[in-house]
Protein backbone atom coordinates (compact mmCIF):
# COMPACT_ATOMS: atom_id res chain seq x y z
CA UNK A 1 -6.97 -17.90 -3.08
CA UNK A 2 -10.18 -19.34 -4.42
CA UNK A 3 -11.02 -16.04 -6.17
CA UNK A 4 -8.95 -13.43 -7.98
CA UNK A 5 -8.34 -10.83 -5.26
CA UNK A 6 -8.00 -8.07 -7.84
CA UNK A 7 -11.69 -8.44 -8.70
CA UNK A 8 -13.06 -9.66 -5.38
CA UNK A 9 -16.07 -8.08 -3.68
CA UNK A 10 -15.32 -6.32 -0.38
CA UNK A 11 -17.83 -6.78 2.42
CA UNK A 12 -17.65 -3.98 4.99
CA UNK A 13 -18.89 -5.07 8.41
CA UNK A 14 -19.78 -2.26 10.84
CA UNK A 15 -20.72 -3.25 14.42
CA UNK A 16 -22.93 -0.60 16.03
CA UNK A 17 -24.45 0.31 19.35
CA UNK A 18 -26.04 3.76 19.56
CA UNK A 19 -23.95 5.32 16.78
CA UNK A 20 -26.50 7.82 15.52
CA UNK A 21 -23.85 10.53 15.27
CA UNK A 22 -21.46 8.45 13.18
CA UNK A 23 -23.21 5.84 11.10
CA UNK A 24 -24.39 8.06 8.22
CA UNK A 25 -20.91 9.38 7.43
CA UNK A 26 -19.28 5.97 7.89
CA UNK A 27 -21.59 4.48 5.26
CA UNK A 28 -21.54 7.49 2.92
CA UNK A 29 -17.77 7.33 2.51
CA UNK A 30 -18.05 3.77 1.16
CA UNK A 31 -20.47 4.71 -1.62
CA UNK A 32 -18.07 5.78 -4.43
CA UNK A 33 -16.26 2.42 -4.24
CA UNK A 34 -16.76 -0.49 -6.64
CA UNK A 35 -17.93 -4.04 -5.95
CA UNK A 36 -18.49 -3.31 -2.26
CA UNK A 37 -21.32 -4.18 0.14
CA UNK A 38 -21.96 -2.76 3.61
CA UNK A 39 -23.45 -4.78 6.46
CA UNK A 40 -24.36 -3.02 9.70
CA UNK A 41 -24.56 -5.40 12.67
CA UNK A 42 -26.50 -3.73 15.45
CA UNK A 43 -26.16 -4.83 19.04
CA UNK A 44 -29.41 -3.31 20.33
CA UNK A 45 -29.21 0.43 19.69
CA UNK A 46 -31.79 2.59 21.47
CA UNK A 47 -31.35 5.52 19.10
CA UNK A 48 -31.92 5.90 15.34
CA UNK A 49 -28.78 4.03 14.23
CA UNK A 50 -30.73 1.21 12.57
CA UNK A 51 -33.24 3.52 10.87
CA UNK A 52 -30.47 5.68 9.40
CA UNK A 53 -28.55 2.65 8.11
CA UNK A 54 -31.67 1.20 6.54
CA UNK A 55 -32.52 4.52 4.90
CA UNK A 56 -29.12 4.42 3.16
CA UNK A 57 -29.95 1.09 1.57
CA UNK A 58 -27.38 -1.11 3.30
CA UNK A 59 -28.02 -4.50 4.85
CA UNK A 60 -28.78 -4.35 8.59
CA UNK A 61 -28.81 -7.39 10.86
CA UNK A 62 -29.23 -7.74 14.62
CA UNK A 63 -26.90 -9.53 17.00
CA UNK A 64 -26.33 -9.92 20.70
CA UNK A 65 -24.17 -7.02 21.92
CA UNK A 66 -20.41 -7.37 21.97
CA UNK A 67 -18.05 -6.37 19.19
CA UNK A 68 -16.65 -9.88 18.63
CA UNK A 69 -20.10 -11.47 18.44
CA UNK A 70 -21.38 -8.72 16.14
CA UNK A 71 -18.45 -8.96 13.75
CA UNK A 72 -18.68 -12.75 13.61
CA UNK A 73 -22.41 -12.44 12.86
CA UNK A 74 -21.65 -10.00 10.06
CA UNK A 75 -19.03 -12.33 8.57
CA UNK A 76 -21.66 -15.04 8.24
CA UNK A 77 -23.99 -12.73 6.30
CA UNK A 78 -21.52 -11.47 3.68
CA UNK A 79 -21.41 -12.26 -0.01
CA UNK A 80 -17.90 -10.90 -0.62
CA UNK A 81 -14.57 -12.68 -0.50
CA UNK A 82 -12.77 -9.86 1.34
CA UNK A 83 -13.92 -8.81 4.81
CA UNK A 84 -13.28 -5.28 6.08
CA UNK A 85 -14.14 -4.63 9.73
CA UNK A 86 -14.90 -0.96 10.31
CA UNK A 87 -15.71 0.89 13.53
CA UNK A 88 -18.61 3.29 13.10
CA UNK A 89 -16.45 6.25 14.18
CA UNK A 90 -13.64 5.50 11.71
CA UNK A 91 -13.57 7.00 8.21
CA UNK A 92 -12.07 5.14 5.26
CA UNK A 93 -9.87 6.97 2.75
CA UNK A 94 -10.90 7.57 -0.84
CA UNK A 95 -9.88 4.60 -2.97
CA UNK A 96 -9.77 2.22 -0.01
CA UNK A 97 -11.17 -0.59 -2.15
CA UNK A 98 -8.29 -0.56 -4.63
CA UNK A 99 -5.77 -0.15 -1.82
CA UNK A 100 -7.11 -3.24 -0.04
CA UNK A 101 -7.18 -5.45 -3.12
CA UNK A 102 -3.63 -4.42 -4.01
CA UNK A 103 -2.38 -5.07 -0.46
CA UNK A 104 -3.85 -8.57 -0.30
CA UNK A 105 -2.10 -9.53 -3.54
CA UNK A 106 1.31 -9.09 -1.92
CA UNK A 107 3.16 -12.36 -1.45
CA UNK A 108 2.79 -13.86 2.04
CA UNK A 109 0.13 -11.35 3.13
CA UNK A 110 -2.84 -12.75 5.05
CA UNK A 111 -4.39 -9.52 6.35
CA UNK A 112 -3.91 -5.80 6.61
CA UNK A 113 -4.98 -2.49 8.10
CA UNK A 114 -4.47 1.25 7.59
CA UNK A 115 -2.27 3.80 9.30
CA UNK A 116 -4.11 5.73 11.99
CA UNK A 117 -4.99 9.42 12.12
CA UNK A 118 -7.06 10.87 14.97
CA UNK A 119 -9.47 13.72 14.26
CA UNK A 120 -8.37 16.21 16.91
CA UNK A 121 -5.55 18.75 16.96
CA UNK A 122 -3.98 17.97 20.37
CA UNK A 123 -0.21 17.49 20.15
CA UNK A 124 -0.48 14.53 22.52
CA UNK A 125 -2.65 12.74 19.95
CA UNK A 126 0.13 13.08 17.38
CA UNK A 127 2.29 11.05 19.75
CA UNK A 128 -0.47 8.47 20.07
CA UNK A 129 -0.67 8.22 16.28
CA UNK A 130 3.09 7.83 16.06
CA UNK A 131 3.11 5.06 18.67
CA UNK A 132 0.23 3.21 17.03
CA UNK A 133 1.80 3.42 13.59
CA UNK A 134 5.21 2.26 14.83
CA UNK A 135 3.62 -0.70 16.64
CA UNK A 136 1.54 -1.60 13.61
CA UNK A 137 4.45 -1.42 11.19
CA UNK A 138 7.18 -3.15 13.18
CA UNK A 139 5.14 -5.57 15.32
CA UNK A 140 2.25 -6.09 12.87
CA UNK A 141 -0.32 -5.44 15.61
CA UNK A 142 -2.98 -3.03 14.30
CA UNK A 143 -6.16 -2.67 16.32
CA UNK A 144 -9.80 -2.39 15.36
CA UNK A 145 -9.89 1.37 14.80
CA UNK A 146 -7.41 0.90 11.92
CA UNK A 147 -10.04 -0.88 9.76
CA UNK A 148 -8.41 -4.24 9.32
CA UNK A 149 -9.20 -6.60 6.48
CA UNK A 150 -8.58 -10.16 5.30
CA UNK A 151 -10.10 -12.71 3.00
CA UNK A 152 -13.11 -14.71 4.12
CA UNK A 153 -11.05 -17.85 3.53
CA UNK A 154 -8.38 -16.77 6.05
CA UNK A 155 -11.02 -15.55 8.52
CA UNK A 156 -12.63 -18.99 8.50
CA UNK A 157 -9.24 -20.67 8.72
CA UNK A 158 -8.42 -18.97 12.04
CA UNK A 159 -11.92 -19.48 13.44
CA UNK A 160 -13.12 -15.87 13.28
CA UNK A 161 -13.00 -13.52 16.24
CA UNK A 162 -12.57 -15.17 19.61
CA UNK A 163 -15.78 -14.52 21.53
CA UNK A 164 -14.11 -12.35 24.17
CA UNK A 165 -15.63 -9.31 25.92
CA UNK A 166 -12.39 -7.39 25.33
CA UNK A 167 -9.09 -7.80 23.41
CA UNK A 168 -10.77 -9.64 20.53
CA UNK A 169 -8.80 -7.67 17.92
CA UNK A 170 -5.51 -8.19 19.79
CA UNK A 171 -6.05 -11.96 19.89
CA UNK A 172 -7.12 -12.09 16.24
CA UNK A 173 -3.90 -10.38 15.19
CA UNK A 174 -1.84 -12.83 17.23
CA UNK A 175 -3.49 -15.70 15.38
CA UNK A 176 -2.95 -14.07 11.99
CA UNK A 177 0.74 -13.40 12.65
CA UNK A 178 1.29 -17.14 13.05
CA UNK A 179 0.24 -17.84 9.47
CA UNK A 180 1.49 -14.85 7.48
CA UNK A 181 2.21 -11.15 7.14
CA UNK A 182 -0.08 -8.30 8.18
CA UNK A 183 0.47 -5.34 5.86
CA UNK A 184 -0.11 -1.71 6.88
CA UNK A 185 -1.40 0.57 4.13
CA UNK A 186 0.36 3.96 4.44
CA UNK A 187 -2.81 5.92 3.58
CA UNK A 188 -4.53 6.57 6.94
CA UNK A 189 -8.06 6.08 8.16
CA UNK A 190 -9.38 8.88 10.34
CA UNK A 191 -10.84 7.81 13.67
CA UNK A 192 -12.72 9.76 16.32
CA UNK A 193 -10.80 11.16 19.26
CA UNK A 194 -13.76 10.59 21.58
CA UNK A 195 -12.29 7.71 23.59
CA UNK A 196 -9.11 9.67 24.30
CA UNK A 197 -10.90 12.92 25.08
CA UNK A 198 -13.44 11.33 27.43
CA UNK A 199 -10.94 10.66 30.18
CA UNK A 200 -7.83 12.36 28.86
CA UNK A 201 -5.07 11.18 26.54
CA UNK A 202 -2.57 10.22 29.22
CA UNK A 203 -5.03 8.37 31.44
CA UNK A 204 -6.60 6.55 28.48
CA UNK A 205 -3.18 5.46 27.23
CA UNK A 206 -2.13 4.16 30.65
CA UNK A 207 -5.44 2.34 31.04
CA UNK A 208 -5.05 0.68 27.65
CA UNK A 209 -1.52 -0.47 28.44
CA UNK A 210 -2.60 -1.93 31.78
CA UNK A 211 -5.33 -3.88 30.00
CA UNK A 212 -2.83 -5.35 27.51
CA UNK A 213 -0.35 -6.30 30.25
CA UNK A 214 -3.09 -7.92 32.32
CA UNK A 215 -4.23 -9.94 29.31
CA UNK A 216 -0.69 -11.10 28.53
CA UNK A 217 -0.24 -12.12 32.18
CA UNK A 218 -3.28 -14.38 31.92
CA UNK A 219 -5.96 -12.36 33.70
CA UNK A 220 -9.33 -13.48 32.33
CA UNK A 221 -10.89 -11.24 29.65
CA UNK A 222 -14.14 -11.17 31.65
CA UNK A 223 -12.36 -9.79 34.71
CA UNK A 224 -10.40 -7.27 32.62
CA UNK A 225 -13.58 -6.11 30.88
CA UNK A 226 -15.42 -5.54 34.14
CA UNK A 227 -12.51 -3.58 35.55
CA UNK A 228 -12.03 -1.62 32.31
CA UNK A 229 -15.68 -0.57 32.19
CA UNK A 230 -15.57 0.70 35.77
CA UNK A 231 -12.35 2.66 35.19
CA UNK A 232 -13.53 3.99 31.83
CA UNK A 233 -16.38 5.94 33.38
CA UNK A 234 -14.84 6.71 36.78
CA UNK A 235 -13.53 10.17 37.56
CA UNK A 236 -9.85 9.90 38.47
């Protein structure tokens, strides 16, 4: 690497769209860390997300909506050599900065993410956590809510996030696996249960698996996204 990873600055990129209930805590948890910057990339929030982020002294930029576009925009604005992509409803563990720098120093590692914990007590969500963590560990396929990270050099090497309306994290991981190892830090991040609770754990899980299968079968991301959005808010 062009810079000693053990001393590298970490740039945390948080894409937002109407995250007034989450953004303050997401940023606050990053504050005790060392040599870290936070960049909030807003996709057109109609609430106080931007005002709250600005009041906490972090950099805020605007982007066209869409998680891939927002995260790519954030990656252009960073000053750090390590990029950490964080969903606004995911909480980093204490000491995440040291954990990340240590992980990226492992031989053959090009990227990484954290184990997943979901912030609700339903037994069914423990099974979801188990499935996610098994997939991440054995197939090296973490998703965005696991706060994945990589060096800016590697991010540029693979061309950043593909500008897809859906499955951008899935495709990024596929690209990374071709060039090296994706490490999973055993300390978990804690993510909101809201997307599972909105429609129900079982229905959400089935919907997510259908989306992945459709993508692997070659259905266009645009078509999948349109269908996913309709099903996401439809009463079954």
